[in-house]
C-alpha atoms as a PDB file:
ATOM      1  CA  MET A   1      15.453 -10.581 -27.193  1.00  0.00           C
ATOM      2  CA  LYS A   2      14.572  -8.798 -30.172  1.00  0.00           C
ATOM      3  CA  ASN A   3      13.044 -11.979 -31.441  1.00  0.00           C
ATOM      4  CA  TYR A   4      10.988 -12.496 -28.244  1.00  0.00           C
ATOM      5  CA  LYS A   5       9.474  -8.861 -28.474  1.00  0.00           C
ATOM      6  CA  LEU A   6       8.448  -9.015 -32.172  1.00  0.00           C
ATOM      7  CA  PHE A   7       6.790 -12.302 -31.234  1.00  0.00           C
ATOM      8  CA  THR A   8       5.064 -10.755 -28.246  1.00  0.00           C
ATOM      9  CA  LEU A   9       4.049  -7.621 -30.547  1.00  0.00           C
ATOM     10  CA  LEU A  10       2.740  -9.897 -33.239  1.00  0.00           C
ATOM     11  CA  VAL A  11       0.947 -12.121 -30.296  1.00  0.00           C
ATOM     12  CA  VAL A  12      -0.679  -8.709 -29.015  1.00  0.00           C
ATOM     13  CA  LEU A  13      -1.683  -7.771 -32.683  1.00  0.00           C
ATOM     14  CA  THR A  14      -3.470 -11.192 -33.469  1.00  0.00           C
ATOM     15  CA  LEU A  15      -5.391 -10.773 -30.190  1.00  0.00           C
ATOM     16  CA  PHE A  16      -6.402  -7.090 -30.782  1.00  0.00           C
ATOM     17  CA  SER A  17      -7.630  -8.278 -34.304  1.00  0.00           C
ATOM     18  CA  SER A  18      -9.598 -11.234 -32.922  1.00  0.00           C
ATOM     19  CA  CYS A  19     -11.417  -9.133 -30.385  1.00  0.00           C
ATOM     20  CA  LYS A  20     -12.124  -6.688 -32.996  1.00  0.00           C
ATOM     21  CA  ASN A  21     -13.984  -9.192 -35.128  1.00  0.00           C
ATOM     22  CA  GLU A  22     -15.508 -10.874 -32.373  1.00  0.00           C
ATOM     23  CA  ALA A  23     -16.860  -7.603 -31.288  1.00  0.00           C
ATOM     24  CA  LYS A  24     -18.196  -7.171 -34.965  1.00  0.00           C
ATOM     25  CA  GLU A  25     -19.449 -10.414 -35.291  1.00  0.00           C
ATOM     26  CA  THR A  26     -21.305  -9.827 -31.651  1.00  0.00           C
ATOM     27  CA  ALA A  27     -22.722  -6.566 -32.972  1.00  0.00           C
ATOM     28  CA  THR A  28     -24.085  -8.249 -36.232  1.00  0.00           C
ATOM     29  CA  ASN A  29     -25.771 -10.948 -34.198  1.00  0.00           C
ATOM     30  CA  SER A  30     -27.178  -8.313 -32.024  1.00  0.00           C
ATOM     31  CA  GLU A  31     -28.716  -6.584 -35.223  1.00  0.00           C
ATOM     32  CA  GLU A  32     -30.028  -9.901 -36.371  1.00  0.00           C
ATOM     33  CA  THR A  33     -31.651 -10.764 -33.213  1.00  0.00           C
ATOM     34  CA  GLU A  34     -33.504  -7.267 -33.284  1.00  0.00           C
ATOM     35  CA  LYS A  35     -34.618  -8.002 -36.701  1.00  0.00           C
ATOM     36  CA  THR A  36     -35.914 -11.220 -35.650  1.00  0.00           C
ATOM     37  CA  VAL A  37     -38.061  -9.892 -33.005  1.00  0.00           C
ATOM     38  CA  GLU A  38     -39.214  -7.022 -35.147  1.00  0.00           C
ATOM     39  CA  THR A  39     -42.861  -7.631 -36.325  1.00  0.00           C
ATOM     40  CA  THR A  40     -43.177  -8.445 -40.188  1.00  0.00           C
ATOM     41  CA  ASP A  41     -46.333  -8.676 -42.121  1.00  0.00           C
ATOM     42  CA  ALA A  42     -46.551 -12.200 -41.273  1.00  0.00           C
ATOM     43  CA  ASN A  43     -46.631 -11.481 -37.660  1.00  0.00           C
ATOM     44  CA  VAL A  44     -48.827 -10.225 -34.967  1.00  0.00           C
ATOM     45  CA  LYS A  45     -47.488  -7.467 -32.946  1.00  0.00           C
ATOM     46  CA  VAL A  46     -48.548  -7.097 -29.337  1.00  0.00           C
ATOM     47  CA  ILE A  47     -48.679  -3.892 -27.614  1.00  0.00           C
ATOM     48  CA  PRO A  48     -49.563  -3.865 -23.686  1.00  0.00           C
ATOM     49  CA  ILE A  49     -51.592  -0.578 -22.812  1.00  0.00           C
ATOM     50  CA  ASN A  50     -52.500  -1.213 -19.125  1.00  0.00           C
ATOM     51  CA  HIS A  51     -54.281  -3.998 -17.104  1.00  0.00           C
ATOM     52  CA  GLY A  52     -56.791  -5.486 -19.821  1.00  0.00           C
ATOM     53  CA  THR A  53     -56.311  -2.875 -22.423  1.00  0.00           C
ATOM     54  CA  LEU A  54     -54.005  -3.967 -25.432  1.00  0.00           C
ATOM     55  CA  VAL A  55     -53.430  -3.215 -29.169  1.00  0.00           C
ATOM     56  CA  LEU A  56     -52.791  -5.743 -31.744  1.00  0.00           C
ATOM     57  CA  GLU A  57     -51.260  -5.054 -35.032  1.00  0.00           C
ATOM     58  CA  TYR A  58     -51.520  -7.240 -38.356  1.00  0.00           C
ATOM     59  CA  ARG A  59     -50.559  -5.978 -41.520  1.00  0.00           C
ATOM     60  CA  GLU A  60     -52.940  -3.133 -42.196  1.00  0.00           C
ATOM     61  CA  ASN A  61     -55.130  -4.046 -39.135  1.00  0.00           C
ATOM     62  CA  VAL A  62     -54.890  -2.444 -35.690  1.00  0.00           C
ATOM     63  CA  ILE A  63     -57.163  -3.731 -32.978  1.00  0.00           C
ATOM     64  CA  TYR A  64     -57.860  -1.992 -29.813  1.00  0.00           C
ATOM     65  CA  VAL A  65     -59.167  -4.477 -27.180  1.00  0.00           C
ATOM     66  CA  ASP A  66     -61.084  -3.035 -24.316  1.00  0.00           C
ATOM     67  CA  PRO A  67     -59.714   0.639 -24.765  1.00  0.00           C
ATOM     68  CA  VAL A  68     -59.443   2.337 -21.573  1.00  0.00           C
ATOM     69  CA  GLY A  69     -57.258   5.463 -20.260  1.00  0.00           C
ATOM     70  CA  GLY A  70     -58.532   8.063 -22.518  1.00  0.00           C
ATOM     71  CA  THR A  71     -56.341   9.264 -25.462  1.00  0.00           C
ATOM     72  CA  LYS A  72     -53.380   9.661 -23.379  1.00  0.00           C
ATOM     73  CA  ALA A  73     -53.174   5.896 -23.054  1.00  0.00           C
ATOM     74  CA  PHE A  74     -52.899   5.647 -26.859  1.00  0.00           C
ATOM     75  CA  GLU A  75     -50.397   8.423 -27.518  1.00  0.00           C
ATOM     76  CA  GLY A  76     -48.245   7.283 -30.311  1.00  0.00           C
ATOM     77  CA  GLN A  77     -50.458   4.193 -31.505  1.00  0.00           C
ATOM     78  CA  LYS A  78     -51.774   3.901 -34.928  1.00  0.00           C
ATOM     79  CA  ARG A  79     -55.688   4.895 -35.363  1.00  0.00           C
ATOM     80  CA  PRO A  80     -57.896   1.380 -34.771  1.00  0.00           C
ATOM     81  CA  THR A  81     -59.358  -0.439 -37.787  1.00  0.00           C
ATOM     82  CA  LEU A  82     -61.316  -2.394 -35.035  1.00  0.00           C
ATOM     83  CA  VAL A  83     -62.426  -2.340 -31.558  1.00  0.00           C
ATOM     84  CA  LEU A  84     -63.082  -4.994 -29.368  1.00  0.00           C
ATOM     85  CA  ILE A  85     -64.957  -4.875 -25.888  1.00  0.00           C
ATOM     86  CA  THR A  86     -65.228  -7.914 -23.618  1.00  0.00           C
ATOM     87  CA  ASP A  87     -67.677  -6.714 -20.763  1.00  0.00           C
ATOM     88  CA  ILE A  88     -69.471  -3.849 -19.048  1.00  0.00           C
ATOM     89  CA  HIS A  89     -66.924  -3.436 -16.265  1.00  0.00           C
ATOM     90  CA  GLY A  90     -65.240   0.136 -15.881  1.00  0.00           C
ATOM     91  CA  ASP A  91     -61.877  -1.751 -16.702  1.00  0.00           C
ATOM     92  CA  HIS A  92     -63.038  -2.744 -20.230  1.00  0.00           C
ATOM     93  CA  LEU A  93     -66.011  -0.252 -21.129  1.00  0.00           C
ATOM     94  CA  ASN A  94     -64.977   3.031 -20.633  1.00  0.00           C
ATOM     95  CA  THR A  95     -67.386   5.386 -22.862  1.00  0.00           C
ATOM     96  CA  GLU A  96     -65.384   8.558 -22.127  1.00  0.00           C
ATOM     97  CA  THR A  97     -62.273   6.857 -23.785  1.00  0.00           C
ATOM     98  CA  LEU A  98     -64.558   5.551 -26.756  1.00  0.00           C
ATOM     99  CA  GLU A  99     -65.689   9.125 -27.427  1.00  0.00           C
ATOM    100  CA  ALA A 100     -62.265  10.581 -26.963  1.00  0.00           C
ATOM    101  CA  LEU A 101     -61.095   8.291 -29.593  1.00  0.00           C
ATOM    102  CA  ASN A 102     -63.765   9.054 -31.979  1.00  0.00           C
ATOM    103  CA  ILE A 103     -64.750   5.498 -33.187  1.00  0.00           C
ATOM    104  CA  LYS A 104     -67.835   5.953 -34.517  1.00  0.00           C
ATOM    105  CA  ALA A 105     -67.049   5.022 -38.194  1.00  0.00           C
ATOM    106  CA  ILE A 106     -64.709   2.149 -36.965  1.00  0.00           C
ATOM    107  CA  PRO A 107     -66.077  -1.184 -36.359  1.00  0.00           C
ATOM    108  CA  LEU A 108     -66.876  -2.258 -33.025  1.00  0.00           C
ATOM    109  CA  VAL A 109     -67.633  -5.810 -31.665  1.00  0.00           C
ATOM    110  CA  ALA A 110     -69.084  -6.226 -28.272  1.00  0.00           C
ATOM    111  CA  PRO A 111     -71.462  -8.286 -26.221  1.00  0.00           C
ATOM    112  CA  GLN A 112     -75.143  -7.081 -26.011  1.00  0.00           C
ATOM    113  CA  ALA A 113     -74.735  -6.195 -22.432  1.00  0.00           C
ATOM    114  CA  VAL A 114     -72.110  -3.861 -23.593  1.00  0.00           C
ATOM    115  CA  VAL A 115     -73.714  -2.344 -26.598  1.00  0.00           C
ATOM    116  CA  ASP A 116     -76.636  -1.534 -24.361  1.00  0.00           C
ATOM    117  CA  LYS A 117     -74.531   1.016 -22.424  1.00  0.00           C
ATOM    118  CA  ILE A 118     -72.701   2.509 -25.461  1.00  0.00           C
ATOM    119  CA  PRO A 119     -74.616   5.874 -26.633  1.00  0.00           C
ATOM    120  CA  SER A 120     -75.604   6.019 -30.117  1.00  0.00           C
ATOM    121  CA  GLU A 121     -73.625   9.248 -30.351  1.00  0.00           C
ATOM    122  CA  ILE A 122     -70.568   7.273 -29.931  1.00  0.00           C
ATOM    123  CA  HIS A 123     -71.280   4.329 -31.923  1.00  0.00           C
ATOM    124  CA  ASP A 124     -74.714   3.540 -33.636  1.00  0.00           C
ATOM    125  CA  SER A 125     -73.701   0.313 -35.299  1.00  0.00           C
ATOM    126  CA  PRO A 126     -71.931  -2.032 -33.168  1.00  0.00           C
ATOM    127  CA  THR A 127     -71.676  -5.795 -34.246  1.00  0.00           C
ATOM    128  CA  VAL A 128     -73.518  -7.505 -31.260  1.00  0.00           C
ATOM    129  CA  MET A 129     -71.557 -11.231 -30.808  1.00  0.00           C
ATOM    130  CA  SER A 130     -72.906 -13.630 -28.258  1.00  0.00           C
ATOM    131  CA  ASN A 131     -70.990 -16.801 -27.010  1.00  0.00           C
ATOM    132  CA  GLY A 132     -70.359 -19.214 -29.433  1.00  0.00           C
ATOM    133  CA  GLU A 133     -70.974 -16.953 -32.380  1.00  0.00           C
ATOM    134  CA  VAL A 134     -68.369 -16.656 -35.210  1.00  0.00           C
ATOM    135  CA  LYS A 135     -68.225 -13.623 -37.530  1.00  0.00           C
ATOM    136  CA  THR A 136     -66.315 -11.779 -39.940  1.00  0.00           C
ATOM    137  CA  VAL A 137     -65.588  -8.374 -39.342  1.00  0.00           C
ATOM    138  CA  SER A 138     -63.187  -6.039 -41.254  1.00  0.00           C
ATOM    139  CA  GLY A 139     -61.823  -9.190 -42.659  1.00  0.00           C
ATOM    140  CA  ILE A 140     -61.069 -10.840 -39.492  1.00  0.00           C
ATOM    141  CA  ASN A 141     -62.582 -14.093 -38.295  1.00  0.00           C
ATOM    142  CA  ILE A 142     -63.908 -13.577 -34.935  1.00  0.00           C
ATOM    143  CA  GLU A 143     -65.209 -16.289 -32.270  1.00  0.00           C
ATOM    144  CA  ALA A 144     -66.918 -15.034 -29.205  1.00  0.00           C
ATOM    145  CA  ILE A 145     -65.656 -17.488 -26.264  1.00  0.00           C
ATOM    146  CA  PRO A 146     -67.854 -17.661 -23.059  1.00  0.00           C
ATOM    147  CA  MET A 147     -66.099 -15.792 -19.974  1.00  0.00           C
ATOM    148  CA  TYR A 148     -67.344 -16.318 -16.483  1.00  0.00           C
ATOM    149  CA  ASN A 149     -66.792 -17.316 -12.803  1.00  0.00           C
ATOM    150  CA  LEU A 150     -66.854 -20.883 -11.357  1.00  0.00           C
ATOM    151  CA  ARG A 151     -66.084 -20.135  -7.865  1.00  0.00           C
ATOM    152  CA  GLU A 152     -69.127 -20.060  -5.874  1.00  0.00           C
ATOM    153  CA  GLU A 153     -67.936 -16.642  -3.778  1.00  0.00           C
ATOM    154  CA  ALA A 154     -67.131 -15.273  -7.271  1.00  0.00           C
ATOM    155  CA  LEU A 155     -70.298 -15.971  -9.309  1.00  0.00           C
ATOM    156  CA  LYS A 156     -71.589 -12.480  -8.634  1.00  0.00           C
ATOM    157  CA  PHE A 157     -68.520 -11.116 -10.534  1.00  0.00           C
ATOM    158  CA  HIS A 158     -68.945 -12.316 -14.303  1.00  0.00           C
ATOM    159  CA  GLU A 159     -72.252 -14.297 -15.242  1.00  0.00           C
ATOM    160  CA  LYS A 160     -72.025 -16.809 -18.199  1.00  0.00           C
ATOM    161  CA  GLY A 161     -73.411 -15.214 -21.311  1.00  0.00           C
ATOM    162  CA  ARG A 162     -72.865 -11.681 -20.495  1.00  0.00           C
ATOM    163  CA  GLY A 163     -69.296 -11.111 -21.697  1.00  0.00           C
ATOM    164  CA  ASN A 164     -67.109 -12.354 -24.291  1.00  0.00           C
ATOM    165  CA  GLY A 165     -63.581 -13.683 -24.910  1.00  0.00           C
ATOM    166  CA  TYR A 166     -62.338 -13.568 -28.481  1.00  0.00           C
ATOM    167  CA  LEU A 167     -60.660 -15.896 -30.642  1.00  0.00           C
ATOM    168  CA  LEU A 168     -59.304 -14.193 -33.879  1.00  0.00           C
ATOM    169  CA  THR A 169     -57.652 -15.477 -36.632  1.00  0.00           C
ATOM    170  CA  LEU A 170     -54.891 -13.103 -37.949  1.00  0.00           C
ATOM    171  CA  GLY A 171     -53.279 -14.731 -40.877  1.00  0.00           C
ATOM    172  CA  ASP A 172     -51.927 -18.155 -39.709  1.00  0.00           C
ATOM    173  CA  GLU A 173     -52.232 -16.903 -35.919  1.00  0.00           C
ATOM    174  CA  ARG A 174     -54.931 -17.725 -33.685  1.00  0.00           C
ATOM    175  CA  VAL A 175     -55.165 -15.253 -31.016  1.00  0.00           C
ATOM    176  CA  TYR A 176     -57.171 -15.943 -27.850  1.00  0.00           C
ATOM    177  CA  ILE A 177     -57.976 -13.124 -25.565  1.00  0.00           C
ATOM    178  CA  SER A 178     -59.664 -14.327 -22.308  1.00  0.00           C
ATOM    179  CA  GLY A 179     -61.510 -11.347 -20.938  1.00  0.00           C
ATOM    180  CA  ASP A 180     -62.732 -11.586 -17.176  1.00  0.00           C
ATOM    181  CA  THR A 181     -62.880 -15.388 -16.521  1.00  0.00           C
ATOM    182  CA  GLU A 182     -61.813 -18.381 -14.257  1.00  0.00           C
ATOM    183  CA  ASP A 183     -60.506 -21.710 -16.019  1.00  0.00           C
ATOM    184  CA  ILE A 184     -63.673 -22.770 -17.532  1.00  0.00           C
ATOM    185  CA  PRO A 185     -64.309 -25.882 -19.883  1.00  0.00           C
ATOM    186  CA  GLU A 186     -64.368 -23.422 -22.754  1.00  0.00           C
ATOM    187  CA  MET A 187     -60.958 -22.378 -22.218  1.00  0.00           C
ATOM    188  CA  ARG A 188     -59.353 -25.544 -21.521  1.00  0.00           C
ATOM    189  CA  ASN A 189     -60.670 -27.188 -24.962  1.00  0.00           C
ATOM    190  CA  LEU A 190     -59.253 -24.603 -26.889  1.00  0.00           C
ATOM    191  CA  LYS A 191     -57.044 -25.841 -29.586  1.00  0.00           C
ATOM    192  CA  ASN A 192     -53.894 -24.627 -31.711  1.00  0.00           C
ATOM    193  CA  ILE A 193     -53.699 -21.277 -29.897  1.00  0.00           C
ATOM    194  CA  ASP A 194     -50.633 -19.322 -31.135  1.00  0.00           C
ATOM    195  CA  LYS A 195     -51.086 -16.767 -28.862  1.00  0.00           C
ATOM    196  CA  ALA A 196     -53.052 -16.246 -25.571  1.00  0.00           C
ATOM    197  CA  PHE A 197     -53.738 -13.536 -23.355  1.00  0.00           C
ATOM    198  CA  VAL A 198     -55.001 -14.915 -20.039  1.00  0.00           C
ATOM    199  CA  CYS A 199     -56.421 -13.140 -16.748  1.00  0.00           C
ATOM    200  CA  MET A 200     -55.322 -13.776 -13.418  1.00  0.00           C
ATOM    201  CA  ASN A 201     -56.504 -11.490 -10.445  1.00  0.00           C
ATOM    202  CA  LEU A 202     -58.402 -11.877  -7.418  1.00  0.00           C
ATOM    203  CA  PRO A 203     -61.023 -11.846  -6.115  1.00  0.00           C
ATOM    204  CA  TYR A 204     -62.604 -11.150  -9.730  1.00  0.00           C
ATOM    205  CA  THR A 205     -60.995 -13.943 -12.094  1.00  0.00           C
ATOM    206  CA  MET A 206     -58.826 -16.765 -10.995  1.00  0.00           C
ATOM    207  CA  PRO A 207     -55.708 -17.285  -8.899  1.00  0.00           C
ATOM    208  CA  VAL A 208     -52.343 -18.070 -10.751  1.00  0.00           C
ATOM    209  CA  GLU A 209     -52.518 -21.763 -10.024  1.00  0.00           C
ATOM    210  CA  SER A 210     -55.888 -22.138 -11.855  1.00  0.00           C
ATOM    211  CA  ALA A 211     -54.458 -20.056 -14.780  1.00  0.00           C
ATOM    212  CA  ALA A 212     -51.644 -22.183 -15.137  1.00  0.00           C
ATOM    213  CA  SER A 213     -53.590 -25.529 -15.053  1.00  0.00           C
ATOM    214  CA  ALA A 214     -55.825 -24.183 -17.990  1.00  0.00           C
ATOM    215  CA  VAL A 215     -52.944 -23.026 -20.218  1.00  0.00           C
ATOM    216  CA  LEU A 216     -51.398 -26.591 -19.424  1.00  0.00           C
ATOM    217  CA  ASP A 217     -54.770 -28.051 -20.669  1.00  0.00           C
ATOM    218  CA  PHE A 218     -54.928 -26.088 -23.977  1.00  0.00           C
ATOM    219  CA  LYS A 219     -51.227 -25.563 -24.570  1.00  0.00           C
ATOM    220  CA  PRO A 220     -50.885 -22.212 -26.753  1.00  0.00           C
ATOM    221  CA  LYS A 221     -47.563 -21.667 -28.051  1.00  0.00           C
ATOM    222  CA  GLN A 222     -47.170 -18.368 -26.358  1.00  0.00           C
ATOM    223  CA  VAL A 223     -49.156 -17.004 -23.513  1.00  0.00           C
ATOM    224  CA  PHE A 224     -49.242 -13.420 -22.064  1.00  0.00           C
ATOM    225  CA  PRO A 225     -50.426 -13.068 -18.574  1.00  0.00           C
ATOM    226  CA  TYR A 226     -52.541  -9.768 -18.756  1.00  0.00           C
ATOM    227  CA  HIS A 227     -55.143  -8.356 -16.306  1.00  0.00           C
ATOM    228  CA  TYR A 228     -53.656  -9.443 -13.179  1.00  0.00           C
ATOM    229  CA  ARG A 229     -54.200  -6.449 -10.751  1.00  0.00           C
ATOM    230  CA  GLY A 230     -56.626  -7.123  -8.050  1.00  0.00           C
ATOM    231  CA  THR A 231     -57.822  -5.892  -4.675  1.00  0.00           C
ATOM    232  CA  GLU A 232     -54.616  -7.034  -2.982  1.00  0.00           C
ATOM    233  CA  GLY A 233     -52.313  -5.854  -5.662  1.00  0.00           C
ATOM    234  CA  LEU A 234     -50.709  -7.530  -8.561  1.00  0.00           C
ATOM    235  CA  SER A 235     -50.841 -11.454  -8.954  1.00  0.00           C
ATOM    236  CA  ASP A 236     -47.552 -13.333  -8.874  1.00  0.00           C
ATOM    237  CA  VAL A 237     -46.933 -13.493 -12.714  1.00  0.00           C
ATOM    238  CA  ASN A 238     -43.410 -15.147 -12.166  1.00  0.00           C
ATOM    239  CA  LYS A 239     -45.164 -17.846 -10.213  1.00  0.00           C
ATOM    240  CA  PHE A 240     -47.263 -18.535 -13.213  1.00  0.00           C
ATOM    241  CA  LYS A 241     -44.432 -18.475 -15.529  1.00  0.00           C
ATOM    242  CA  SER A 242     -42.629 -21.126 -13.421  1.00  0.00           C
ATOM    243  CA  LEU A 243     -45.978 -23.407 -12.991  1.00  0.00           C
ATOM    244  CA  VAL A 244     -46.350 -23.327 -16.925  1.00  0.00           C
ATOM    245  CA  GLU A 245     -42.624 -23.671 -18.153  1.00  0.00           C
ATOM    246  CA  GLU A 246     -41.346 -26.248 -15.741  1.00  0.00           C
ATOM    247  CA  GLU A 247     -44.430 -28.492 -16.587  1.00  0.00           C
ATOM    248  CA  ASP A 248     -44.120 -27.955 -20.346  1.00  0.00           C
ATOM    249  CA  ALA A 249     -41.184 -26.237 -21.619  1.00  0.00           C
ATOM    250  CA  SER A 250     -42.834 -26.011 -25.267  1.00  0.00           C
ATOM    251  CA  ILE A 251     -45.310 -23.049 -24.001  1.00  0.00           C
ATOM    252  CA  GLU A 252     -43.511 -19.705 -23.988  1.00  0.00           C
ATOM    253  CA  VAL A 253     -44.743 -17.539 -21.043  1.00  0.00           C
ATOM    254  CA  SER A 254     -43.997 -13.696 -22.060  1.00  0.00           C
ATOM    255  CA  LEU A 255     -44.134 -11.255 -19.339  1.00  0.00           C
ATOM    256  CA  LEU A 256     -44.872  -7.618 -20.592  1.00  0.00           C
ATOM    257  CA  LYS A 257     -45.030  -4.453 -18.718  1.00  0.00           C
ATOM    258  CA  TRP A 258     -48.898  -3.771 -18.175  1.00  0.00           C
ATOM    259  CA  TYR A 259     -48.179  -1.593 -14.958  1.00  0.00           C
END
């Protein structure tokens, strides 16, 4: 009987020790996972702000894209080293926010239609880029990608040549920001994209089916649905994720908190 009790005690102690080791190992793996997803100097960090507004960080570069929402929207963010603006609409160009952020001495890139609406008191020397142009600004290679509507009923929203999407080269990563567009040939023909921000809201841009179809054509490594609030609420980004990943599992769809 004593031997049986001793045996039972040894089993319990062994199991307890095993559980402790397993818990320790799990904690270690969790810490390693957290370190893996942390941004290093070699990676681009993505910070969603709201709707079409985001911040990209790469090494010493801090890029504000379509800054809207006043200073409150950027509380806790680093000061920008570059500002990109895609179009003239209020969810992309907000002069009150630009003024509040005090960006006059910071390089700003925008199409001519946007520059025409920015008072010189806010910024007196923006870099103008037209569709198809490639420039290096603040050491970053930037290509202006067309953005426009295709559907007859939507042509009035975004005419070809007025606004810019942007393709940035940040270290080894090529980052595409669609701006307000539909599934245009210029998007479908993109190559070697690491990160893509693709809009999908009606009636202004395109439905999720068109966005998914375009993404399946140009095959970015990672795609972020953004700018998906329309007149009837939020587009179904979970459906977009399913359409893309069920067809091509090599494309990672990342759903971030934009709203």
